[in-house]
Amino acid sequence: MSAAALGVAAALLNPVSAADAVQKPVWTLETSARRALDVAPELRQAEAQVAAREGEYRQADAWPNPTLELRADDKLGIEDGSGGTDLTHVGISQPLPLRRLARARAVAAANLEAARENRRYEHLRLENQTAHAYHKLQLAAARLKLAEEKQQQVSGLAETPRGRDPLVRYLAPTERLRLDILREEAQQAIAFAEGEHSEAASHFRALLALLPEAELALTELAPVAPPPPLASLEHGLESHPALNSARKEQEAARAGIEAARASRFNDPALTFFRERDFIGGGRRDVNGVGLSIQIPLWNLNTGGIGKAYAEADQAQARQATRRRDLTSRLRTSHTHLGHLIEQAEHFRVRILDPGKRLFDLTRRGFSAGEVNVLALVDASNTYFDARWRYLELLAQSWIEAADVRLAAGRSALDTSAEGAP
């Protein structure tokens, strides 16, 4: 029978457990990130920015509207002595954006692509923020579970020797006092872990827009798989959304130089008009065509071009800055993640596992009256402190892996990225 079939059968045989599973879904990093993306106001803001840029792009193709000019006066009535007011002029003027539209369209297109890349980067940033909150909550939950386990193990130590055989060993008052202190320390550790867990859970619920009373069940901390080689991550850095956005902003700034040049003066306007005048002793209609061009006599309007050049330099510097920062963050996070993974494994092999064996042997020796309380307290503190530190290393590794993904421009929801950290 398959594992899925066994799971279904177990759920049918135990309806209470099945109901608990329905009421308490296990939050994974992927489901948490999707939930955060669904409710994040930052993403709606990025979507609105894309919509605004799309509107600018559509508007960049629009020709200016023509202007209708009507004029009525009493000129004809004065000429023929009939008096009154007549419509003497009708004209339609159409500006001709011969050079301006194409350049404005290039600017709008680059700005639209930059907004879309910013939206992609906002996805990655929100995923990273969710990963930090998720792994911190994982660590808080694991610490609370560890504190409760320590309290349970310590609570019965004082009764273990005499409970089984009063002749095995007599506990002196000082030894019982040390055990009482050990139990109180365990209780204080639970209180501290509960406070940390409450804070981490509150932040996690707020990020995912969950109800304050919503119960949270997360996957347990596990070792992190090694990240892909740094060379492959740096090779894909050119497609990073933040770098693409800076590149598109630079393209928009460069296109803005030509747009500023094309917009130095008003568009030439072509006018078709029809006038009525008194010619040769009678009223006559006159048709004509006019062209109006602005004369750059006093204002050459070069300030806009200088501003466009400065904005292009600024965009180029911003792109170089982003490239430098992304490369630096990627190398630093990748190196730190490798060290954390190596340190966690070394810690498990050289400290955690021997500490567990030492604690087990010391407990058995204490129960048999061969080991004093000081050795038991030392072994207990060594073992649980080692587990505490190991959990910290695992959580730090996962958080650093999230930072590697952000620096490399990779998504935790993108399963197509082979070997993604």
Protein backbone atom coordinates (compact mmCIF):
# COMPACT_ATOMS: atom_id res chain seq x y z
CA MET A 1 0.00 0.00 0.00
CA SER A 2 1.35 3.46 -0.87
CA ALA A 3 2.17 6.12 1.72
CA ALA A 4 -0.74 8.25 0.50
CA ALA A 5 -3.18 5.35 0.91
CA LEU A 6 -1.85 4.64 4.40
CA GLY A 7 -2.33 8.30 5.28
CA VAL A 8 -5.93 8.25 4.06
CA ALA A 9 -6.66 5.05 5.97
CA ALA A 10 -5.15 6.49 9.14
CA ALA A 11 -7.28 9.61 8.78
CA LEU A 12 -10.42 7.54 8.35
CA LEU A 13 -9.61 5.41 11.39
CA ASN A 14 -8.81 8.48 13.49
CA PRO A 15 -11.35 11.22 12.66
CA VAL A 16 -10.10 13.45 15.51
CA SER A 17 -6.62 13.57 14.05
CA ALA A 18 -8.08 14.23 10.61
CA ALA A 19 -10.13 17.12 11.98
CA ASP A 20 -7.04 18.55 13.70
CA ALA A 21 -5.14 18.32 10.41
CA VAL A 22 -7.89 20.27 8.67
CA GLN A 23 -8.05 22.91 11.40
CA LYS A 24 -4.29 23.24 11.78
CA PRO A 25 -2.65 23.35 8.34
CA VAL A 26 1.10 23.15 8.34
CA TRP A 27 2.63 26.33 6.99
CA THR A 28 5.59 25.78 4.71
CA LEU A 29 7.86 28.49 3.37
CA GLU A 30 6.17 28.27 -0.03
CA THR A 31 2.60 28.53 1.29
CA SER A 32 3.64 31.35 3.61
CA ALA A 33 5.26 33.28 0.77
CA ARG A 34 2.21 32.86 -1.47
CA ARG A 35 -0.07 34.03 1.30
CA ALA A 36 2.13 37.07 1.96
CA LEU A 37 2.16 37.96 -1.74
CA ASP A 38 -1.62 37.70 -1.90
CA VAL A 39 -2.20 40.16 0.93
CA ALA A 40 0.84 42.46 0.75
CA PRO A 41 -0.02 46.14 0.17
CA GLU A 42 3.50 46.66 -1.20
CA LEU A 43 2.67 44.39 -4.11
CA ARG A 44 -0.54 46.26 -4.81
CA GLN A 45 1.50 49.43 -4.86
CA ALA A 46 3.88 47.89 -7.39
CA GLU A 47 0.92 46.74 -9.49
CA ALA A 48 -0.51 50.27 -9.41
CA GLN A 49 2.85 51.64 -10.55
CA VAL A 50 2.83 49.26 -13.52
CA ALA A 51 -0.72 50.33 -14.37
CA ALA A 52 0.35 53.98 -14.22
CA ARG A 53 3.27 53.33 -16.55
CA GLU A 54 0.97 51.47 -18.94
CA GLY A 55 -1.27 54.53 -19.03
CA GLU A 56 1.74 56.73 -19.80
CA TYR A 57 2.75 54.39 -22.61
CA ARG A 58 -0.70 54.49 -24.17
CA GLN A 59 -0.78 58.26 -23.86
CA ALA A 60 2.65 58.61 -25.48
CA ASP A 61 1.15 57.49 -28.83
CA ALA A 62 -1.67 60.00 -28.74
CA TRP A 63 -1.63 62.94 -31.11
CA PRO A 64 -2.58 66.34 -29.69
CA ASN A 65 -6.15 67.36 -30.38
CA PRO A 66 -6.89 69.88 -33.14
CA THR A 67 -8.07 73.36 -32.27
CA LEU A 68 -11.21 74.86 -33.78
CA GLU A 69 -11.24 78.62 -34.13
CA LEU A 70 -14.42 80.64 -34.85
CA ARG A 71 -14.60 84.39 -35.24
CA ALA A 72 -17.65 86.61 -35.75
CA ASP A 73 -17.57 90.41 -36.28
CA ASP A 74 -19.43 93.29 -37.99
CA LYS A 75 -16.80 93.92 -40.64
CA LEU A 76 -18.99 92.84 -43.57
CA GLY A 77 -21.97 94.84 -42.33
CA ILE A 78 -19.82 97.94 -42.16
CA GLU A 79 -18.44 97.37 -45.68
CA ASP A 80 -21.82 96.99 -47.43
CA GLY A 81 -23.80 99.12 -45.03
CA SER A 82 -26.17 96.31 -44.09
CA GLY A 83 -25.02 96.23 -40.49
CA GLY A 84 -25.16 93.22 -38.18
CA THR A 85 -22.62 90.59 -37.21
CA ASP A 86 -21.51 87.71 -39.39
CA LEU A 87 -19.32 84.62 -39.01
CA THR A 88 -16.18 85.67 -40.85
CA HIS A 89 -13.56 83.07 -39.89
CA VAL A 90 -13.54 79.29 -39.35
CA GLY A 91 -10.23 77.53 -38.84
CA ILE A 92 -8.91 74.15 -37.72
CA SER A 93 -5.36 73.95 -36.43
CA GLN A 94 -3.57 70.62 -35.96
CA PRO A 95 -0.20 70.42 -34.13
CA LEU A 96 2.26 68.09 -35.87
CA PRO A 97 4.40 66.12 -33.37
CA LEU A 98 6.68 64.89 -36.14
CA ARG A 99 9.73 64.15 -33.95
CA ARG A 100 8.33 64.15 -30.44
CA LEU A 101 5.99 61.12 -30.37
CA ALA A 102 8.55 58.46 -31.26
CA ARG A 103 10.95 59.67 -28.59
CA ALA A 104 8.25 60.01 -25.96
CA ARG A 105 7.09 56.50 -26.79
CA ALA A 106 10.63 55.16 -26.28
CA VAL A 107 10.81 56.80 -22.84
CA ALA A 108 7.41 55.45 -21.83
CA ALA A 109 8.25 51.93 -23.02
CA ALA A 110 11.48 51.85 -21.01
CA ASN A 111 9.72 53.20 -17.91
CA LEU A 112 7.03 50.53 -18.27
CA GLU A 113 9.61 47.75 -18.41
CA ALA A 114 11.38 49.24 -15.40
CA ALA A 115 8.11 49.21 -13.44
CA ARG A 116 7.53 45.57 -14.34
CA GLU A 117 11.03 44.63 -13.20
CA ASN A 118 10.45 46.57 -9.98
CA ARG A 119 7.32 44.50 -9.46
CA ARG A 120 9.36 41.32 -9.86
CA TYR A 121 11.91 42.60 -7.37
CA GLU A 122 9.12 43.45 -4.94
CA HIS A 123 8.04 39.80 -5.21
CA LEU A 124 11.54 38.70 -4.24
CA ARG A 125 11.81 41.24 -1.44
CA LEU A 126 8.49 40.13 0.07
CA GLU A 127 9.53 36.49 -0.20
CA ASN A 128 12.74 37.34 1.64
CA GLN A 129 10.84 39.21 4.34
CA THR A 130 8.47 36.27 4.74
CA ALA A 131 11.36 33.81 4.90
CA HIS A 132 13.00 35.80 7.70
CA ALA A 133 9.76 35.84 9.70
CA TYR A 134 9.07 32.16 8.95
CA HIS A 135 12.49 30.90 10.03
CA LYS A 136 12.52 33.09 13.13
CA LEU A 137 9.18 31.58 14.11
CA GLN A 138 10.58 28.13 13.39
CA LEU A 139 13.47 28.87 15.73
CA ALA A 140 11.17 30.24 18.44
CA ALA A 141 8.91 27.17 18.23
CA ALA A 142 11.89 24.83 18.37
CA ARG A 143 13.33 26.68 21.37
CA LEU A 144 10.02 26.50 23.19
CA LYS A 145 9.77 22.78 22.51
CA LEU A 146 13.35 22.32 23.70
CA ALA A 147 12.71 24.28 26.90
CA GLU A 148 9.64 22.18 27.66
CA GLU A 149 11.62 19.01 27.04
CA LYS A 150 14.36 20.17 29.42
CA GLN A 151 11.81 21.03 32.08
CA GLN A 152 10.20 17.58 31.80
CA GLN A 153 13.52 15.78 32.10
CA VAL A 154 14.76 17.89 34.97
CA SER A 155 11.53 17.77 36.97
CA GLY A 156 11.90 14.09 37.90
CA LEU A 157 15.61 13.92 38.52
CA ALA A 158 15.35 14.49 42.26
CA GLU A 159 12.93 11.61 42.67
CA THR A 160 14.73 9.17 40.41
CA PRO A 161 17.28 7.69 42.83
CA ARG A 162 15.18 7.42 45.96
CA GLY A 163 11.97 6.67 44.12
CA ARG A 164 13.31 3.37 42.91
CA ASP A 165 15.44 2.33 45.89
CA PRO A 166 15.95 4.42 49.04
CA LEU A 167 19.23 2.63 49.66
CA VAL A 168 20.75 3.46 46.35
CA ARG A 169 21.68 6.95 47.25
CA TYR A 170 20.92 9.70 49.68
CA LEU A 171 20.58 13.23 48.27
CA ALA A 172 22.09 15.85 50.51
CA PRO A 173 20.22 19.13 51.01
CA THR A 174 22.79 20.93 48.88
CA GLU A 175 22.22 18.47 46.04
CA ARG A 176 18.45 18.87 46.27
CA LEU A 177 18.93 22.63 46.27
CA ARG A 178 21.00 22.39 43.10
CA LEU A 179 18.29 20.30 41.47
CA ASP A 180 15.68 22.84 42.51
CA ILE A 181 17.75 25.57 40.90
CA LEU A 182 18.07 23.46 37.76
CA ARG A 183 14.30 23.01 37.60
CA GLU A 184 13.73 26.73 38.15
CA GLU A 185 16.18 27.56 35.38
CA ALA A 186 14.26 25.23 33.10
CA GLN A 187 11.02 26.98 34.04
CA GLN A 188 12.56 30.38 33.36
CA ALA A 189 13.79 29.12 30.00
CA ILE A 190 10.20 28.16 29.13
CA ALA A 191 8.96 31.62 30.05
CA PHE A 192 11.67 33.25 27.94
CA ALA A 193 10.97 30.93 24.99
CA GLU A 194 7.23 31.58 25.25
CA GLY A 195 7.84 35.33 25.05
CA GLU A 196 10.05 34.97 21.98
CA HIS A 197 7.55 32.63 20.34
CA SER A 198 4.68 35.03 21.02
CA GLU A 199 6.55 37.93 19.42
CA ALA A 200 7.62 35.90 16.39
CA ALA A 201 4.10 34.51 15.94
CA SER A 202 2.55 37.99 16.14
CA HIS A 203 4.89 39.29 13.46
CA PHE A 204 4.23 36.26 11.27
CA ARG A 205 0.45 36.60 11.61
CA ALA A 206 0.60 40.30 10.79
CA LEU A 207 2.73 39.65 7.70
CA LEU A 208 0.27 37.04 6.43
CA ALA A 209 -2.83 38.97 7.57
CA LEU A 210 -3.95 36.12 9.85
CA LEU A 211 -6.28 36.44 12.80
CA PRO A 212 -4.58 36.93 16.19
CA GLU A 213 -6.09 33.69 17.45
CA ALA A 214 -5.04 31.67 14.39
CA GLU A 215 -3.00 28.63 15.40
CA LEU A 216 0.31 28.17 13.64
CA ALA A 217 1.90 24.84 12.77
CA LEU A 218 5.23 25.04 10.95
CA THR A 219 7.66 22.51 9.61
CA GLU A 220 10.61 21.76 11.85
CA LEU A 221 14.08 23.14 11.29
CA ALA A 222 16.33 20.89 9.24
CA PRO A 223 19.82 21.25 7.76
CA VAL A 224 20.12 23.43 4.66
CA ALA A 225 21.28 21.95 1.39
CA PRO A 226 24.47 23.48 -0.04
CA PRO A 227 23.81 26.40 -2.41
CA PRO A 228 24.69 26.31 -6.11
CA PRO A 229 28.22 27.33 -7.04
CA LEU A 230 28.91 31.04 -6.79
CA ALA A 231 29.97 31.20 -10.44
CA SER A 232 26.57 30.00 -11.65
CA LEU A 233 24.75 32.48 -9.41
CA GLU A 234 26.94 35.36 -10.61
CA HIS A 235 26.35 34.27 -14.20
CA GLY A 236 22.60 34.67 -13.73
CA LEU A 237 22.99 38.00 -11.99
CA GLU A 238 22.47 39.90 -15.26
CA SER A 239 18.81 38.86 -15.22
CA HIS A 240 18.24 40.11 -11.67
CA PRO A 241 15.05 42.22 -11.54
CA ALA A 242 16.75 45.04 -9.63
CA LEU A 243 19.52 45.21 -12.21
CA ASN A 244 17.05 44.96 -15.09
CA SER A 245 15.04 47.78 -13.58
CA ALA A 246 18.13 49.98 -13.31
CA ARG A 247 19.05 49.11 -16.89
CA LYS A 248 15.59 50.07 -18.15
CA GLU A 249 15.69 53.27 -16.14
CA GLN A 250 18.98 54.10 -17.84
CA GLU A 251 17.44 53.40 -21.25
CA ALA A 252 14.54 55.70 -20.37
CA ALA A 253 16.96 58.41 -19.28
CA ARG A 254 18.93 58.13 -22.52
CA ALA A 255 15.76 58.26 -24.57
CA GLY A 256 14.75 61.24 -22.46
CA ILE A 257 17.67 63.21 -23.90
CA GLU A 258 16.27 62.91 -27.41
CA ALA A 259 12.77 63.57 -26.10
CA ALA A 260 14.02 66.77 -24.44
CA ARG A 261 15.60 67.87 -27.69
CA ALA A 262 12.40 67.18 -29.59
CA SER A 263 10.39 69.09 -27.00
CA ARG A 264 12.53 72.24 -26.92
CA PHE A 265 9.95 74.17 -28.93
CA ASN A 266 6.25 73.87 -29.56
CA ASP A 267 5.10 71.49 -32.26
CA PRO A 268 4.51 73.14 -35.64
CA ALA A 269 0.81 73.58 -36.30
CA LEU A 270 -0.94 73.24 -39.65
CA THR A 271 -4.08 75.37 -40.02
CA PHE A 272 -6.92 75.12 -42.53
CA PHE A 273 -9.20 78.11 -42.52
CA ARG A 274 -12.14 79.63 -44.36
CA GLU A 275 -12.85 83.35 -44.20
CA ARG A 276 -15.59 85.59 -45.55
CA ASP A 277 -14.57 89.05 -46.73
CA PHE A 278 -15.86 91.93 -48.84
CA ILE A 279 -13.97 91.76 -52.16
CA GLY A 280 -14.78 93.51 -55.48
CA GLY A 281 -17.96 95.05 -54.18
CA GLY A 282 -19.39 91.82 -52.83
CA ARG A 283 -19.04 89.19 -50.16
CA ARG A 284 -16.60 86.42 -51.00
CA ASP A 285 -15.36 83.22 -49.26
CA VAL A 286 -11.62 82.71 -49.03
CA ASN A 287 -9.95 79.34 -48.28
CA GLY A 288 -6.37 79.03 -47.08
CA VAL A 289 -3.71 76.99 -45.34
CA GLY A 290 -1.34 78.27 -42.66
CA LEU A 291 1.71 76.91 -40.84
CA SER A 292 2.83 78.24 -37.45
CA ILE A 293 6.35 77.62 -36.17
CA GLN A 294 7.84 78.87 -32.93
CA ILE A 295 10.84 81.16 -33.42
CA PRO A 296 13.70 80.47 -30.90
CA LEU A 297 14.57 84.09 -30.47
CA TRP A 298 14.99 84.63 -26.73
CA ASN A 299 14.49 81.21 -25.15
CA LEU A 300 16.48 78.31 -26.58
CA ASN A 301 15.08 76.01 -23.86
CA THR A 302 18.36 74.15 -23.28
CA GLY A 303 17.75 73.61 -19.58
CA GLY A 304 15.60 70.56 -20.23
CA ILE A 305 18.36 68.96 -22.29
CA GLY A 306 20.93 69.58 -19.56
CA LYS A 307 18.56 68.07 -17.03
CA ALA A 308 18.06 65.01 -19.25
CA TYR A 309 21.82 64.51 -19.54
CA ALA A 310 22.18 64.75 -15.75
CA GLU A 311 19.36 62.22 -15.22
CA ALA A 312 21.04 59.85 -17.68
CA ASP A 313 24.31 60.10 -15.75
CA GLN A 314 22.41 59.52 -12.52
CA ALA A 315 20.70 56.43 -13.95
CA GLN A 316 24.02 55.06 -15.18
CA ALA A 317 25.58 55.56 -11.75
CA ARG A 318 22.55 53.94 -10.10
CA GLN A 319 22.91 50.90 -12.33
CA ALA A 320 26.61 50.59 -11.49
CA THR A 321 25.81 50.94 -7.79
CA ARG A 322 23.16 48.23 -7.92
CA ARG A 323 25.48 45.90 -9.80
CA ARG A 324 28.22 46.45 -7.23
CA ASP A 325 25.86 46.01 -4.26
CA LEU A 326 24.21 42.90 -5.67
CA THR A 327 27.56 41.28 -6.43
CA SER A 328 28.89 42.14 -2.98
CA ARG A 329 25.77 40.88 -1.19
CA LEU A 330 25.71 37.69 -3.23
CA ARG A 331 29.34 36.86 -2.53
CA THR A 332 29.05 37.72 1.15
CA SER A 333 25.82 35.77 1.68
CA HIS A 334 27.07 32.79 -0.32
CA THR A 335 30.30 32.63 1.69
CA HIS A 336 28.48 33.07 4.99
CA LEU A 337 25.94 30.39 4.09
CA GLY A 338 28.72 27.93 3.28
CA HIS A 339 30.38 28.65 6.60
CA LEU A 340 27.10 28.23 8.51
CA ILE A 341 26.34 24.90 6.85
CA GLU A 342 29.84 23.64 7.57
CA GLN A 343 29.73 24.97 11.13
CA ALA A 344 26.34 23.40 11.83
CA GLU A 345 27.49 19.98 10.63
CA HIS A 346 30.74 20.24 12.57
CA PHE A 347 28.81 21.35 15.65
CA ARG A 348 26.44 18.40 15.37
CA VAL A 349 29.21 15.83 14.98
CA ARG A 350 31.71 17.22 17.46
CA ILE A 351 29.50 18.80 20.15
CA LEU A 352 25.82 17.92 19.91
CA ASP A 353 26.08 14.15 19.47
CA PRO A 354 28.83 13.74 22.12
CA GLY A 355 26.87 16.02 24.44
CA LYS A 356 23.82 13.78 24.10
CA ARG A 357 25.87 10.67 24.87
CA LEU A 358 27.44 12.42 27.86
CA PHE A 359 24.02 13.46 29.17
CA ASP A 360 22.60 9.96 28.81
CA LEU A 361 25.58 8.37 30.58
CA THR A 362 25.51 10.98 33.34
CA ARG A 363 21.79 10.46 33.98
CA ARG A 364 22.27 6.73 34.26
CA GLY A 365 25.27 7.25 36.52
CA PHE A 366 23.31 9.66 38.69
CA SER A 367 20.43 7.20 38.98
CA ALA A 368 22.91 4.54 40.09
CA GLY A 369 24.53 6.86 42.61
CA GLU A 370 27.85 6.96 40.73
CA VAL A 371 27.70 10.62 39.69
CA ASN A 372 27.05 13.66 41.83
CA VAL A 373 24.63 16.47 41.13
CA LEU A 374 27.31 18.85 39.86
CA ALA A 375 28.21 16.45 37.05
CA LEU A 376 24.52 15.99 36.23
CA VAL A 377 23.89 19.74 36.10
CA ASP A 378 26.95 20.29 33.95
CA ALA A 379 25.99 17.51 31.54
CA SER A 380 22.42 18.78 31.32
CA ASN A 381 23.47 22.35 30.62
CA THR A 382 26.06 21.22 28.08
CA TYR A 383 23.57 19.09 26.17
CA PHE A 384 20.65 21.54 26.08
CA ASP A 385 22.90 24.51 25.39
CA ALA A 386 24.36 22.56 22.48
CA ARG A 387 20.90 21.85 21.09
CA TRP A 388 19.99 25.52 21.57
CA ARG A 389 23.06 26.64 19.64
CA TYR A 390 22.48 24.05 16.92
CA LEU A 391 18.96 25.35 16.36
CA GLU A 392 20.37 28.86 16.04
CA LEU A 393 22.85 27.70 13.40
CA LEU A 394 20.07 26.01 11.42
CA ALA A 395 17.83 29.09 11.54
CA GLN A 396 20.73 31.37 10.58
CA SER A 397 21.53 29.07 7.67
CA TRP A 398 17.96 29.23 6.36
CA ILE A 399 17.85 33.02 6.73
CA GLU A 400 21.18 33.33 4.92
CA ALA A 401 19.86 31.03 2.17
CA ALA A 402 16.93 33.43 1.75
CA ASP A 403 19.41 36.32 1.44
CA VAL A 404 21.34 34.38 -1.20
CA ARG A 405 18.13 33.93 -3.21
CA LEU A 406 17.35 37.64 -2.96
CA ALA A 407 20.85 38.67 -3.99
CA ALA A 408 20.83 36.17 -6.87
CA GLY A 409 17.35 37.18 -8.03
CA ARG A 410 15.85 33.72 -7.49
CA SER A 411 12.44 32.97 -6.11
CA ALA A 412 11.62 30.35 -3.50
CA LEU A 413 8.44 29.67 -5.49
CA ASP A 414 10.35 29.03 -8.72
CA THR A 415 10.86 25.28 -8.78
CA SER A 416 12.30 25.43 -12.30
CA ALA A 417 15.56 26.91 -11.00
CA GLU A 418 17.64 23.76 -10.59
CA GLY A 419 19.69 23.76 -7.46
CA ALA A 420 18.14 26.93 -6.15
CA PRO A 421 19.09 27.53 -2.52
